[in-house]
Amino acid sequence: MSHPEPATLTFTVSDEDTAEAVGSGSLPVLGTPRLLAWLEAATCACLDPVLPEGATSVGTRVQVEHLAASPVGATVEVSASSAYEDGRLHRFTVSARDTAGGKVLAAGEITRVVVDAERFMSRL
C-alpha cells in the first residue's frame, strides 16, 4: 500500500450542522460532532485512494480540540495528512480553518485502522 497524500475538503455550515441541530448544545454554531465527521471525512479522502481491493478503514481514536465557533454560512476547510503508519494503523494530523479569515477552528489527530470490509461486517 502506498503512502497517503494529504487531503483537503471544504464545507459550508448549514442549519443542520449546528450544535442545536445535532444535539451537542443549544447554540446555532457548528456542532463539534459535525466538525468531527468532516475531519474524519478528510482522513478517509486521504486514505481511500491507497486502500487495497475490498479494504476500508475504521476510526479508532480521536483527539481533537475545537478551538473556535463558526456561524451558519461560514465556509470551513478541513485537512488531513498522514503523520504515522504502522501496518494497518494510520494516524493523521487534522485541522480545520475558516476560509474567510484563516482562523484555526480545530486541530488534533485521528487514528484509523485498515480492515477487510466483508470480514469486519461478518463479525458483527
PDB file of N, CA and C in Angstrom:
ATOM      1  N   MET A   1       0.848  -1.180   0.000  1.00  0.00           N
ATOM      2  CA  MET A   1       0.000   0.000   0.000  1.00  0.00           C
ATOM      3  C   MET A   1       0.890   1.238   0.000  1.00  0.00           C
ATOM      4  N   SER A   2       0.611   2.180  -0.889  1.00  0.00           N
ATOM      5  CA  SER A   2       1.428   3.387  -0.963  1.00  0.00           C
ATOM      6  C   SER A   2       1.036   4.389   0.128  1.00  0.00           C
ATOM      7  N   HIS A   3       1.873   5.386   0.270  1.00  0.00           N
ATOM      8  CA  HIS A   3       1.708   6.401   1.310  1.00  0.00           C
ATOM      9  C   HIS A   3       0.554   7.343   0.953  1.00  0.00           C
ATOM     10  N   PRO A   4      -0.367   7.609   1.905  1.00  0.00           N
ATOM     11  CA  PRO A   4      -1.488   8.511   1.625  1.00  0.00           C
ATOM     12  C   PRO A   4      -1.020   9.952   1.394  1.00  0.00           C
ATOM     13  N   GLU A   5      -1.628  10.602   0.419  1.00  0.00           N
ATOM     14  CA  GLU A   5      -1.376  12.012   0.153  1.00  0.00           C
ATOM     15  C   GLU A   5      -2.297  12.854   1.036  1.00  0.00           C
ATOM     16  N   PRO A   6      -1.886  14.070   1.402  1.00  0.00           N
ATOM     17  CA  PRO A   6      -2.764  14.954   2.182  1.00  0.00           C
ATOM     18  C   PRO A   6      -4.077  15.210   1.438  1.00  0.00           C
ATOM     19  N   ALA A   7      -5.136  15.482   2.199  1.00  0.00           N
ATOM     20  CA  ALA A   7      -6.446  15.763   1.602  1.00  0.00           C
ATOM     21  C   ALA A   7      -7.060  16.975   2.275  1.00  0.00           C
ATOM     22  N   THR A   8      -7.760  17.768   1.485  1.00  0.00           N
ATOM     23  CA  THR A   8      -8.463  18.940   1.994  1.00  0.00           C
ATOM     24  C   THR A   8      -9.870  18.943   1.421  1.00  0.00           C
ATOM     25  N   LEU A   9     -10.857  19.153   2.284  1.00  0.00           N
ATOM     26  CA  LEU A   9     -12.261  19.229   1.884  1.00  0.00           C
ATOM     27  C   LEU A   9     -12.831  20.551   2.394  1.00  0.00           C
ATOM     28  N   THR A  10     -13.850  21.054   1.716  1.00  0.00           N
ATOM     29  CA  THR A  10     -14.473  22.309   2.114  1.00  0.00           C
ATOM     30  C   THR A  10     -15.967  22.105   2.322  1.00  0.00           C
ATOM     31  N   PHE A  11     -16.480  22.660   3.411  1.00  0.00           N
ATOM     32  CA  PHE A  11     -17.900  22.560   3.754  1.00  0.00           C
ATOM     33  C   PHE A  11     -18.426  23.936   4.132  1.00  0.00           C
ATOM     34  N   THR A  12     -19.715  24.141   3.938  1.00  0.00           N
ATOM     35  CA  THR A  12     -20.374  25.362   4.397  1.00  0.00           C
ATOM     36  C   THR A  12     -21.312  24.984   5.527  1.00  0.00           C
ATOM     37  N   VAL A  13     -21.202  25.679   6.643  1.00  0.00           N
ATOM     38  CA  VAL A  13     -22.031  25.398   7.815  1.00  0.00           C
ATOM     39  C   VAL A  13     -23.487  25.731   7.488  1.00  0.00           C
ATOM     40  N   SER A  14     -24.366  24.735   7.650  1.00  0.00           N
ATOM     41  CA  SER A  14     -25.799  24.941   7.427  1.00  0.00           C
ATOM     42  C   SER A  14     -26.537  24.785   8.759  1.00  0.00           C
ATOM     43  N   ASP A  15     -27.829  25.048   8.728  1.00  0.00           N
ATOM     44  CA  ASP A  15     -28.647  24.902   9.938  1.00  0.00           C
ATOM     45  C   ASP A  15     -28.581  23.476  10.482  1.00  0.00           C
ATOM     46  N   GLU A  16     -28.425  22.482   9.591  1.00  0.00           N
ATOM     47  CA  GLU A  16     -28.372  21.069  10.002  1.00  0.00           C
ATOM     48  C   GLU A  16     -27.054  20.707  10.678  1.00  0.00           C
ATOM     49  N   ASP A  17     -26.049  21.570  10.564  1.00  0.00           N
ATOM     50  CA  ASP A  17     -24.722  21.296  11.120  1.00  0.00           C
ATOM     51  C   ASP A  17     -24.515  21.908  12.503  1.00  0.00           C
ATOM     52  N   THR A  18     -25.497  22.629  13.001  1.00  0.00           N
ATOM     53  CA  THR A  18     -25.311  23.359  14.258  1.00  0.00           C
ATOM     54  C   THR A  18     -25.374  22.452  15.479  1.00  0.00           C
ATOM     55  N   ALA A  19     -24.785  22.939  16.554  1.00  0.00           N
ATOM     56  CA  ALA A  19     -24.832  22.215  17.834  1.00  0.00           C
ATOM     57  C   ALA A  19     -26.284  21.975  18.231  1.00  0.00           C
ATOM     58  N   GLU A  20     -27.112  22.972  18.001  1.00  0.00           N
ATOM     59  CA  GLU A  20     -28.539  22.873  18.307  1.00  0.00           C
ATOM     60  C   GLU A  20     -29.177  21.719  17.533  1.00  0.00           C
ATOM     61  N   ALA A  21     -28.839  21.585  16.245  1.00  0.00           N
ATOM     62  CA  ALA A  21     -29.445  20.557  15.386  1.00  0.00           C
ATOM     63  C   ALA A  21     -28.928  19.159  15.695  1.00  0.00           C
ATOM     64  N   VAL A  22     -27.635  19.034  16.030  1.00  0.00           N
ATOM     65  CA  VAL A  22     -27.072  17.693  16.250  1.00  0.00           C
ATOM     66  C   VAL A  22     -27.138  17.256  17.712  1.00  0.00           C
ATOM     67  N   GLY A  23     -27.671  18.110  18.574  1.00  0.00           N
ATOM     68  CA  GLY A  23     -27.888  17.732  19.966  1.00  0.00           C
ATOM     69  C   GLY A  23     -26.669  17.849  20.855  1.00  0.00           C
ATOM     70  N   SER A  24     -25.696  18.680  20.446  1.00  0.00           N
ATOM     71  CA  SER A  24     -24.491  18.810  21.278  1.00  0.00           C
ATOM     72  C   SER A  24     -24.394  20.175  21.945  1.00  0.00           C
ATOM     73  N   GLY A  25     -25.500  20.878  21.966  1.00  0.00           N
ATOM     74  CA  GLY A  25     -25.530  22.199  22.583  1.00  0.00           C
ATOM     75  C   GLY A  25     -26.790  22.924  22.163  1.00  0.00           C
ATOM     76  N   SER A  26     -26.890  24.178  22.573  1.00  0.00           N
ATOM     77  CA  SER A  26     -28.119  24.920  22.295  1.00  0.00           C
ATOM     78  C   SER A  26     -27.904  26.101  21.353  1.00  0.00           C
ATOM     79  N   LEU A  27     -26.689  26.278  20.843  1.00  0.00           N
ATOM     80  CA  LEU A  27     -26.398  27.436  20.009  1.00  0.00           C
ATOM     81  C   LEU A  27     -26.387  27.105  18.518  1.00  0.00           C
ATOM     82  N   PRO A  28     -26.729  28.083  17.689  1.00  0.00           N
ATOM     83  CA  PRO A  28     -26.725  27.879  16.238  1.00  0.00           C
ATOM     84  C   PRO A  28     -25.334  28.107  15.632  1.00  0.00           C
ATOM     85  N   VAL A  29     -24.356  27.343  16.112  1.00  0.00           N
ATOM     86  CA  VAL A  29     -22.985  27.367  15.594  1.00  0.00           C
ATOM     87  C   VAL A  29     -22.584  25.937  15.231  1.00  0.00           C
ATOM     88  N   LEU A  30     -21.509  25.794  14.443  1.00  0.00           N
ATOM     89  CA  LEU A  30     -21.058  24.464  14.025  1.00  0.00           C
ATOM     90  C   LEU A  30     -20.884  23.555  15.242  1.00  0.00           C
ATOM     91  N   GLY A  31     -21.587  22.426  15.229  1.00  0.00           N
ATOM     92  CA  GLY A  31     -21.507  21.469  16.328  1.00  0.00           C
ATOM     93  C   GLY A  31     -20.246  20.627  16.221  1.00  0.00           C
ATOM     94  N   THR A  32     -19.662  20.329  17.364  1.00  0.00           N
ATOM     95  CA  THR A  32     -18.446  19.527  17.395  1.00  0.00           C
ATOM     96  C   THR A  32     -18.626  18.159  16.724  1.00  0.00           C
ATOM     97  N   PRO A  33     -19.762  17.460  16.928  1.00  0.00           N
ATOM     98  CA  PRO A  33     -19.920  16.166  16.236  1.00  0.00           C
ATOM     99  C   PRO A  33     -19.863  16.294  14.712  1.00  0.00           C
ATOM    100  N   ARG A  34     -20.437  17.373  14.170  1.00  0.00           N
ATOM    101  CA  ARG A  34     -20.394  17.565  12.713  1.00  0.00           C
ATOM    102  C   ARG A  34     -18.973  17.908  12.268  1.00  0.00           C
ATOM    103  N   LEU A  35     -18.296  18.752  13.021  1.00  0.00           N
ATOM    104  CA  LEU A  35     -16.907  19.090  12.704  1.00  0.00           C
ATOM    105  C   LEU A  35     -16.047  17.831  12.714  1.00  0.00           C
ATOM    106  N   LEU A  36     -16.253  16.984  13.697  1.00  0.00           N
ATOM    107  CA  LEU A  36     -15.508  15.730  13.782  1.00  0.00           C
ATOM    108  C   LEU A  36     -15.793  14.851  12.566  1.00  0.00           C
ATOM    109  N   ALA A  37     -17.049  14.778  12.147  1.00  0.00           N
ATOM    110  CA  ALA A  37     -17.397  13.987  10.958  1.00  0.00           C
ATOM    111  C   ALA A  37     -16.678  14.538   9.732  1.00  0.00           C
ATOM    112  N   TRP A  38     -16.584  15.855   9.618  1.00  0.00           N
ATOM    113  CA  TRP A  38     -15.878  16.460   8.482  1.00  0.00           C
ATOM    114  C   TRP A  38     -14.389  16.135   8.532  1.00  0.00           C
ATOM    115  N   LEU A  39     -13.814  16.179   9.727  1.00  0.00           N
ATOM    116  CA  LEU A  39     -12.391  15.842   9.875  1.00  0.00           C
ATOM    117  C   LEU A  39     -12.154  14.372   9.522  1.00  0.00           C
ATOM    118  N   GLU A  40     -13.059  13.500   9.950  1.00  0.00           N
ATOM    119  CA  GLU A  40     -12.936  12.084   9.604  1.00  0.00           C
ATOM    120  C   GLU A  40     -13.072  11.878   8.096  1.00  0.00           C
ATOM    121  N   ALA A  41     -13.954  12.646   7.467  1.00  0.00           N
ATOM    122  CA  ALA A  41     -14.114  12.557   6.011  1.00  0.00           C
ATOM    123  C   ALA A  41     -12.793  12.914   5.323  1.00  0.00           C
ATOM    124  N   ALA A  42     -12.072  13.882   5.869  1.00  0.00           N
ATOM    125  CA  ALA A  42     -10.771  14.242   5.295  1.00  0.00           C
ATOM    126  C   ALA A  42      -9.768  13.100   5.450  1.00  0.00           C
ATOM    127  N   THR A  43      -9.803  12.385   6.589  1.00  0.00           N
ATOM    128  CA  THR A  43      -8.890  11.249   6.754  1.00  0.00           C
ATOM    129  C   THR A  43      -9.243  10.136   5.767  1.00  0.00           C
ATOM    130  N   CYS A  44     -10.531   9.936   5.515  1.00  0.00           N
ATOM    131  CA  CYS A  44     -10.951   8.928   4.533  1.00  0.00           C
ATOM    132  C   CYS A  44     -10.511   9.331   3.134  1.00  0.00           C
ATOM    133  N   ALA A  45     -10.639  10.615   2.806  1.00  0.00           N
ATOM    134  CA  ALA A  45     -10.223  11.099   1.483  1.00  0.00           C
ATOM    135  C   ALA A  45      -8.718  10.913   1.295  1.00  0.00           C
ATOM    136  N   CYS A  46      -7.990  10.980   2.388  1.00  0.00           N
ATOM    137  CA  CYS A  46      -6.534  10.790   2.370  1.00  0.00           C
ATOM    138  C   CYS A  46      -6.191   9.309   2.151  1.00  0.00           C
ATOM    139  N   LEU A  47      -6.889   8.432   2.838  1.00  0.00           N
ATOM    140  CA  LEU A  47      -6.542   7.010   2.878  1.00  0.00           C
ATOM    141  C   LEU A  47      -7.202   6.175   1.777  1.00  0.00           C
ATOM    142  N   ASP A  48      -8.448   6.491   1.424  1.00  0.00           N
ATOM    143  CA  ASP A  48      -9.206   5.659   0.484  1.00  0.00           C
ATOM    144  C   ASP A  48      -8.486   5.378  -0.844  1.00  0.00           C
ATOM    145  N   PRO A  49      -7.813   6.381  -1.448  1.00  0.00           N
ATOM    146  CA  PRO A  49      -7.172   6.108  -2.748  1.00  0.00           C
ATOM    147  C   PRO A  49      -6.056   5.062  -2.704  1.00  0.00           C
ATOM    148  N   VAL A  50      -5.511   4.763  -1.529  1.00  0.00           N
ATOM    149  CA  VAL A  50      -4.404   3.798  -1.460  1.00  0.00           C
ATOM    150  C   VAL A  50      -4.805   2.468  -0.816  1.00  0.00           C
ATOM    151  N   LEU A  51      -6.096   2.298  -0.525  1.00  0.00           N
ATOM    152  CA  LEU A  51      -6.555   1.049   0.086  1.00  0.00           C
ATOM    153  C   LEU A  51      -6.562  -0.092  -0.922  1.00  0.00           C
ATOM    154  N   PRO A  52      -6.193  -1.287  -0.467  1.00  0.00           N
ATOM    155  CA  PRO A  52      -6.289  -2.462  -1.346  1.00  0.00           C
ATOM    156  C   PRO A  52      -7.752  -2.799  -1.654  1.00  0.00           C
ATOM    157  N   GLU A  53      -7.956  -3.564  -2.710  1.00  0.00           N
ATOM    158  CA  GLU A  53      -9.298  -4.027  -3.092  1.00  0.00           C
ATOM    159  C   GLU A  53      -9.980  -4.720  -1.912  1.00  0.00           C
ATOM    160  N   GLY A  54     -11.241  -4.347  -1.642  1.00  0.00           N
ATOM    161  CA  GLY A  54     -12.017  -4.976  -0.577  1.00  0.00           C
ATOM    162  C   GLY A  54     -11.744  -4.418   0.812  1.00  0.00           C
ATOM    163  N   ALA A  55     -10.817  -3.484   0.919  1.00  0.00           N
ATOM    164  CA  ALA A  55     -10.472  -2.913   2.224  1.00  0.00           C
ATOM    165  C   ALA A  55     -11.186  -1.583   2.437  1.00  0.00           C
ATOM    166  N   THR A  56     -11.356  -1.253   3.694  1.00  0.00           N
ATOM    167  CA  THR A  56     -11.865   0.049   4.106  1.00  0.00           C
ATOM    168  C   THR A  56     -11.115   0.413   5.379  1.00  0.00           C
ATOM    169  N   SER A  57     -11.487   1.513   5.986  1.00  0.00           N
ATOM    170  CA  SER A  57     -10.845   1.862   7.249  1.00  0.00           C
ATOM    171  C   SER A  57     -11.910   2.253   8.256  1.00  0.00           C
ATOM    172  N   VAL A  58     -11.579   2.069   9.522  1.00  0.00           N
ATOM    173  CA  VAL A  58     -12.488   2.435  10.607  1.00  0.00           C
ATOM    174  C   VAL A  58     -11.742   3.363  11.558  1.00  0.00           C
ATOM    175  N   GLY A  59     -12.474   4.335  12.069  1.00  0.00           N
ATOM    176  CA  GLY A  59     -11.887   5.248  13.035  1.00  0.00           C
ATOM    177  C   GLY A  59     -11.770   4.561  14.380  1.00  0.00           C
ATOM    178  N   THR A  60     -10.614   4.704  15.045  1.00  0.00           N
ATOM    179  CA  THR A  60     -10.411   4.040  16.336  1.00  0.00           C
ATOM    180  C   THR A  60     -10.029   5.003  17.456  1.00  0.00           C
ATOM    181  N   ARG A  61      -9.536   6.195  17.104  1.00  0.00           N
ATOM    182  CA  ARG A  61      -9.129   7.132  18.152  1.00  0.00           C
ATOM    183  C   ARG A  61      -9.218   8.546  17.610  1.00  0.00           C
ATOM    184  N   VAL A  62      -9.758   9.441  18.448  1.00  0.00           N
ATOM    185  CA  VAL A  62      -9.891  10.842  18.075  1.00  0.00           C
ATOM    186  C   VAL A  62      -9.368  11.702  19.208  1.00  0.00           C
ATOM    187  N   GLN A  63      -8.511  12.644  18.867  1.00  0.00           N
ATOM    188  CA  GLN A  63      -8.029  13.622  19.835  1.00  0.00           C
ATOM    189  C   GLN A  63      -8.036  14.970  19.118  1.00  0.00           C
ATOM    190  N   VAL A  64      -9.108  15.737  19.336  1.00  0.00           N
ATOM    191  CA  VAL A  64      -9.300  16.989  18.609  1.00  0.00           C
ATOM    192  C   VAL A  64      -9.730  18.086  19.567  1.00  0.00           C
ATOM    193  N   GLU A  65      -9.128  19.252  19.417  1.00  0.00           N
ATOM    194  CA  GLU A  65      -9.567  20.434  20.153  1.00  0.00           C
ATOM    195  C   GLU A  65     -10.392  21.298  19.207  1.00  0.00           C
ATOM    196  N   HIS A  66     -11.613  21.618  19.633  1.00  0.00           N
ATOM    197  CA  HIS A  66     -12.481  22.533  18.880  1.00  0.00           C
ATOM    198  C   HIS A  66     -12.236  23.908  19.482  1.00  0.00           C
ATOM    199  N   LEU A  67     -11.497  24.746  18.768  1.00  0.00           N
ATOM    200  CA  LEU A  67     -10.923  25.973  19.322  1.00  0.00           C
ATOM    201  C   LEU A  67     -11.761  27.234  19.139  1.00  0.00           C
ATOM    202  N   ALA A  68     -12.619  27.263  18.116  1.00  0.00           N
ATOM    203  CA  ALA A  68     -13.381  28.479  17.842  1.00  0.00           C
ATOM    204  C   ALA A  68     -14.721  28.123  17.207  1.00  0.00           C
ATOM    205  N   ALA A  69     -15.701  28.997  17.420  1.00  0.00           N
ATOM    206  CA  ALA A  69     -17.052  28.787  16.895  1.00  0.00           C
ATOM    207  C   ALA A  69     -17.152  29.253  15.447  1.00  0.00           C
ATOM    208  N   SER A  70     -18.094  28.639  14.708  1.00  0.00           N
ATOM    209  CA  SER A  70     -18.356  29.003  13.319  1.00  0.00           C
ATOM    210  C   SER A  70     -19.857  29.180  13.134  1.00  0.00           C
ATOM    211  N   PRO A  71     -20.282  30.339  12.639  1.00  0.00           N
ATOM    212  CA  PRO A  71     -21.709  30.577  12.442  1.00  0.00           C
ATOM    213  C   PRO A  71     -22.237  29.886  11.185  1.00  0.00           C
ATOM    214  N   VAL A  72     -23.544  29.780  11.078  1.00  0.00           N
ATOM    215  CA  VAL A  72     -24.186  29.284   9.861  1.00  0.00           C
ATOM    216  C   VAL A  72     -23.736  30.183   8.710  1.00  0.00           C
ATOM    217  N   GLY A  73     -23.383  29.560   7.589  1.00  0.00           N
ATOM    218  CA  GLY A  73     -22.923  30.300   6.418  1.00  0.00           C
ATOM    219  C   GLY A  73     -21.411  30.341   6.285  1.00  0.00           C
ATOM    220  N   ALA A  74     -20.692  30.039   7.372  1.00  0.00           N
ATOM    221  CA  ALA A  74     -19.227  30.047   7.324  1.00  0.00           C
ATOM    222  C   ALA A  74     -18.727  28.909   6.441  1.00  0.00           C
ATOM    223  N   THR A  75     -17.638  29.139   5.737  1.00  0.00           N
ATOM    224  CA  THR A  75     -17.004  28.098   4.936  1.00  0.00           C
ATOM    225  C   THR A  75     -15.810  27.570   5.722  1.00  0.00           C
ATOM    226  N   VAL A  76     -15.805  26.261   5.906  1.00  0.00           N
ATOM    227  CA  VAL A  76     -14.788  25.599   6.723  1.00  0.00           C
ATOM    228  C   VAL A  76     -13.983  24.639   5.847  1.00  0.00           C
ATOM    229  N   GLU A  77     -12.668  24.780   5.930  1.00  0.00           N
ATOM    230  CA  GLU A  77     -11.762  23.894   5.202  1.00  0.00           C
ATOM    231  C   GLU A  77     -11.144  22.926   6.202  1.00  0.00           C
ATOM    232  N   VAL A  78     -11.301  21.626   5.950  1.00  0.00           N
ATOM    233  CA  VAL A  78     -10.717  20.605   6.823  1.00  0.00           C
ATOM    234  C   VAL A  78      -9.615  19.883   6.071  1.00  0.00           C
ATOM    235  N   SER A  79      -8.531  19.586   6.783  1.00  0.00           N
ATOM    236  CA  SER A  79      -7.378  18.945   6.160  1.00  0.00           C
ATOM    237  C   SER A  79      -6.903  17.770   6.991  1.00  0.00           C
ATOM    238  N   ALA A  80      -6.349  16.779   6.308  1.00  0.00           N
ATOM    239  CA  ALA A  80      -5.753  15.615   6.967  1.00  0.00           C
ATOM    240  C   ALA A  80      -4.461  15.264   6.247  1.00  0.00           C
ATOM    241  N   SER A  81      -3.448  14.927   7.025  1.00  0.00           N
ATOM    242  CA  SER A  81      -2.209  14.437   6.426  1.00  0.00           C
ATOM    243  C   SER A  81      -1.670  13.308   7.293  1.00  0.00           C
ATOM    244  N   SER A  82      -1.046  12.352   6.629  1.00  0.00           N
ATOM    245  CA  SER A  82      -0.511  11.180   7.314  1.00  0.00           C
ATOM    246  C   SER A  82       0.631  11.584   8.237  1.00  0.00           C
ATOM    247  N   ALA A  83       0.525  11.190   9.504  1.00  0.00           N
ATOM    248  CA  ALA A  83       1.557  11.514  10.488  1.00  0.00           C
ATOM    249  C   ALA A  83       2.352  10.281  10.909  1.00  0.00           C
ATOM    250  N   TYR A  84       1.718   9.089  10.807  1.00  0.00           N
ATOM    251  CA  TYR A  84       2.358   7.866  11.293  1.00  0.00           C
ATOM    252  C   TYR A  84       1.653   6.676  10.670  1.00  0.00           C
ATOM    253  N   GLU A  85       2.429   5.676  10.272  1.00  0.00           N
ATOM    254  CA  GLU A  85       1.879   4.430   9.734  1.00  0.00           C
ATOM    255  C   GLU A  85       2.588   3.254  10.370  1.00  0.00           C
ATOM    256  N   ASP A  86       1.825   2.247  10.748  1.00  0.00           N
ATOM    257  CA  ASP A  86       2.392   1.008  11.267  1.00  0.00           C
ATOM    258  C   ASP A  86       1.486  -0.126  10.828  1.00  0.00           C
ATOM    259  N   GLY A  87       1.798  -0.737   9.705  1.00  0.00           N
ATOM    260  CA  GLY A  87       0.951  -1.801   9.165  1.00  0.00           C
ATOM    261  C   GLY A  87      -0.419  -1.253   8.806  1.00  0.00           C
ATOM    262  N   ARG A  88      -1.437  -1.781   9.468  1.00  0.00           N
ATOM    263  CA  ARG A  88      -2.818  -1.375   9.177  1.00  0.00           C
ATOM    264  C   ARG A  88      -3.206  -0.077   9.881  1.00  0.00           C
ATOM    265  N   LEU A  89      -2.416   0.373  10.841  1.00  0.00           N
ATOM    266  CA  LEU A  89      -2.738   1.562  11.625  1.00  0.00           C
ATOM    267  C   LEU A  89      -2.210   2.822  10.939  1.00  0.00           C
ATOM    268  N   HIS A  90      -3.073   3.826  10.827  1.00  0.00           N
ATOM    269  CA  HIS A  90      -2.709   5.107  10.206  1.00  0.00           C
ATOM    270  C   HIS A  90      -3.165   6.243  11.116  1.00  0.00           C
ATOM    271  N   ARG A  91      -2.222   7.084  11.514  1.00  0.00           N
ATOM    272  CA  ARG A  91      -2.553   8.251  12.341  1.00  0.00           C
ATOM    273  C   ARG A  91      -2.426   9.495  11.467  1.00  0.00           C
ATOM    274  N   PHE A  92      -3.429  10.351  11.548  1.00  0.00           N
ATOM    275  CA  PHE A  92      -3.477  11.568  10.748  1.00  0.00           C
ATOM    276  C   PHE A  92      -3.473  12.809  11.629  1.00  0.00           C
ATOM    277  N   THR A  93      -2.760  13.820  11.179  1.00  0.00           N
ATOM    278  CA  THR A  93      -2.872  15.152  11.762  1.00  0.00           C
ATOM    279  C   THR A  93      -4.022  15.822  11.029  1.00  0.00           C
ATOM    280  N   VAL A  94      -4.968  16.380  11.800  1.00  0.00           N
ATOM    281  CA  VAL A  94      -6.131  17.025  11.195  1.00  0.00           C
ATOM    282  C   VAL A  94      -6.246  18.465  11.680  1.00  0.00           C
ATOM    283  N   SER A  95      -6.857  19.286  10.844  1.00  0.00           N
ATOM    284  CA  SER A  95      -7.115  20.666  11.235  1.00  0.00           C
ATOM    285  C   SER A  95      -8.304  21.200  10.466  1.00  0.00           C
ATOM    286  N   ALA A  96      -8.883  22.263  11.008  1.00  0.00           N
ATOM    287  CA  ALA A  96      -9.986  22.946  10.343  1.00  0.00           C
ATOM    288  C   ALA A  96      -9.732  24.442  10.474  1.00  0.00           C
ATOM    289  N   ARG A  97     -10.080  25.169   9.410  1.00  0.00           N
ATOM    290  CA  ARG A  97      -9.931  26.617   9.479  1.00  0.00           C
ATOM    291  C   ARG A  97     -11.073  27.287   8.744  1.00  0.00           C
ATOM    292  N   ASP A  98     -11.354  28.510   9.152  1.00  0.00           N
ATOM    293  CA  ASP A  98     -12.358  29.335   8.488  1.00  0.00           C
ATOM    294  C   ASP A  98     -11.698  29.917   7.240  1.00  0.00           C
ATOM    295  N   THR A  99     -12.292  29.709   6.082  1.00  0.00           N
ATOM    296  CA  THR A  99     -11.643  30.165   4.857  1.00  0.00           C
ATOM    297  C   THR A  99     -11.657  31.687   4.733  1.00  0.00           C
ATOM    298  N   ALA A 100     -12.619  32.351   5.355  1.00  0.00           N
ATOM    299  CA  ALA A 100     -12.716  33.811   5.235  1.00  0.00           C
ATOM    300  C   ALA A 100     -11.529  34.509   5.896  1.00  0.00           C
ATOM    301  N   GLY A 101     -11.243  34.157   7.148  1.00  0.00           N
ATOM    302  CA  GLY A 101     -10.166  34.840   7.856  1.00  0.00           C
ATOM    303  C   GLY A 101      -8.952  33.991   8.134  1.00  0.00           C
ATOM    304  N   GLY A 102      -9.033  32.696   7.804  1.00  0.00           N
ATOM    305  CA  GLY A 102      -7.911  31.799   8.051  1.00  0.00           C
ATOM    306  C   GLY A 102      -7.781  31.349   9.489  1.00  0.00           C
ATOM    307  N   LYS A 103      -8.761  31.713  10.332  1.00  0.00           N
ATOM    308  CA  LYS A 103      -8.712  31.349  11.748  1.00  0.00           C
ATOM    309  C   LYS A 103      -8.758  29.834  11.921  1.00  0.00           C
ATOM    310  N   VAL A 104      -7.865  29.308  12.773  1.00  0.00           N
ATOM    311  CA  VAL A 104      -7.859  27.874  13.059  1.00  0.00           C
ATOM    312  C   VAL A 104      -9.040  27.553  13.974  1.00  0.00           C
ATOM    313  N   LEU A 105      -9.872  26.615  13.538  1.00  0.00           N
ATOM    314  CA  LEU A 105     -11.075  26.238  14.277  1.00  0.00           C
ATOM    315  C   LEU A 105     -10.881  24.968  15.094  1.00  0.00           C
ATOM    316  N   ALA A 106     -10.009  24.093  14.613  1.00  0.00           N
ATOM    317  CA  ALA A 106      -9.787  22.820  15.295  1.00  0.00           C
ATOM    318  C   ALA A 106      -8.439  22.250  14.872  1.00  0.00           C
ATOM    319  N   ALA A 107      -7.865  21.438  15.772  1.00  0.00           N
ATOM    320  CA  ALA A 107      -6.602  20.763  15.474  1.00  0.00           C
ATOM    321  C   ALA A 107      -6.510  19.500  16.309  1.00  0.00           C
ATOM    322  N   GLY A 108      -5.843  18.487  15.759  1.00  0.00           N
ATOM    323  CA  GLY A 108      -5.663  17.266  16.525  1.00  0.00           C
ATOM    324  C   GLY A 108      -5.205  16.098  15.681  1.00  0.00           C
ATOM    325  N   GLU A 109      -5.539  14.900  16.160  1.00  0.00           N
ATOM    326  CA  GLU A 109      -5.143  13.658  15.486  1.00  0.00           C
ATOM    327  C   GLU A 109      -6.321  12.688  15.450  1.00  0.00           C
ATOM    328  N   ILE A 110      -6.394  11.943  14.365  1.00  0.00           N
ATOM    329  CA  ILE A 110      -7.390  10.877  14.222  1.00  0.00           C
ATOM    330  C   ILE A 110      -6.654   9.625  13.749  1.00  0.00           C
ATOM    331  N   THR A 111      -6.943   8.497  14.393  1.00  0.00           N
ATOM    332  CA  THR A 111      -6.341   7.224  14.016  1.00  0.00           C
ATOM    333  C   THR A 111      -7.379   6.353  13.334  1.00  0.00           C
ATOM    334  N   ARG A 112      -6.983   5.726  12.234  1.00  0.00           N
ATOM    335  CA  ARG A 112      -7.834   4.789  11.509  1.00  0.00           C
ATOM    336  C   ARG A 112      -7.074   3.480  11.348  1.00  0.00           C
ATOM    337  N   VAL A 113      -7.812   2.383  11.270  1.00  0.00           N
ATOM    338  CA  VAL A 113      -7.227   1.063  11.050  1.00  0.00           C
ATOM    339  C   VAL A 113      -7.839   0.472   9.781  1.00  0.00           C
ATOM    340  N   VAL A 114      -6.994  -0.041   8.905  1.00  0.00           N
ATOM    341  CA  VAL A 114      -7.447  -0.655   7.663  1.00  0.00           C
ATOM    342  C   VAL A 114      -7.962  -2.057   7.974  1.00  0.00           C
ATOM    343  N   VAL A 115      -9.159  -2.355   7.448  1.00  0.00           N
ATOM    344  CA  VAL A 115      -9.785  -3.666   7.675  1.00  0.00           C
ATOM    345  C   VAL A 115     -10.346  -4.187   6.358  1.00  0.00           C
ATOM    346  N   ASP A 116     -10.538  -5.502   6.290  1.00  0.00           N
ATOM    347  CA  ASP A 116     -11.258  -6.112   5.190  1.00  0.00           C
ATOM    348  C   ASP A 116     -12.741  -5.871   5.457  1.00  0.00           C
ATOM    349  N   ALA A 117     -13.430  -5.168   4.568  1.00  0.00           N
ATOM    350  CA  ALA A 117     -14.811  -4.740   4.805  1.00  0.00           C
ATOM    351  C   ALA A 117     -15.761  -5.920   5.053  1.00  0.00           C
ATOM    352  N   GLU A 118     -15.656  -6.952   4.233  1.00  0.00           N
ATOM    353  CA  GLU A 118     -16.576  -8.086   4.356  1.00  0.00           C
ATOM    354  C   GLU A 118     -16.334  -8.847   5.664  1.00  0.00           C
ATOM    355  N   ARG A 119     -15.064  -9.084   5.986  1.00  0.00           N
ATOM    356  CA  ARG A 119     -14.741  -9.805   7.217  1.00  0.00           C
ATOM    357  C   ARG A 119     -15.162  -8.988   8.447  1.00  0.00           C
ATOM    358  N   PHE A 120     -14.939  -7.687   8.410  1.00  0.00           N
ATOM    359  CA  PHE A 120     -15.315  -6.818   9.519  1.00  0.00           C
ATOM    360  C   PHE A 120     -16.820  -6.889   9.778  1.00  0.00           C
ATOM    361  N   MET A 121     -17.619  -6.787   8.716  1.00  0.00           N
ATOM    362  CA  MET A 121     -19.073  -6.811   8.868  1.00  0.00           C
ATOM    363  C   MET A 121     -19.586  -8.185   9.300  1.00  0.00           C
ATOM    364  N   SER A 122     -18.889  -9.241   8.910  1.00  0.00           N
ATOM    365  CA  SER A 122     -19.335 -10.591   9.261  1.00  0.00           C
ATOM    366  C   SER A 122     -19.169 -10.869  10.751  1.00  0.00           C
ATOM    367  N   ARG A 123     -18.336 -10.088  11.424  1.00  0.00           N
ATOM    368  CA  ARG A 123     -18.103 -10.290  12.870  1.00  0.00           C
ATOM    369  C   ARG A 123     -19.155  -9.617  13.741  1.00  0.00           C
ATOM    370  N   LEU A 124     -19.979  -8.790  13.143  1.00  0.00           N
ATOM    371  CA  LEU A 124     -20.956  -8.037  13.951  1.00  0.00           C
ATOM    372  C   LEU A 124     -22.178  -8.855  14.283  1.00  0.00           C
TER     373      LEU A 124
END
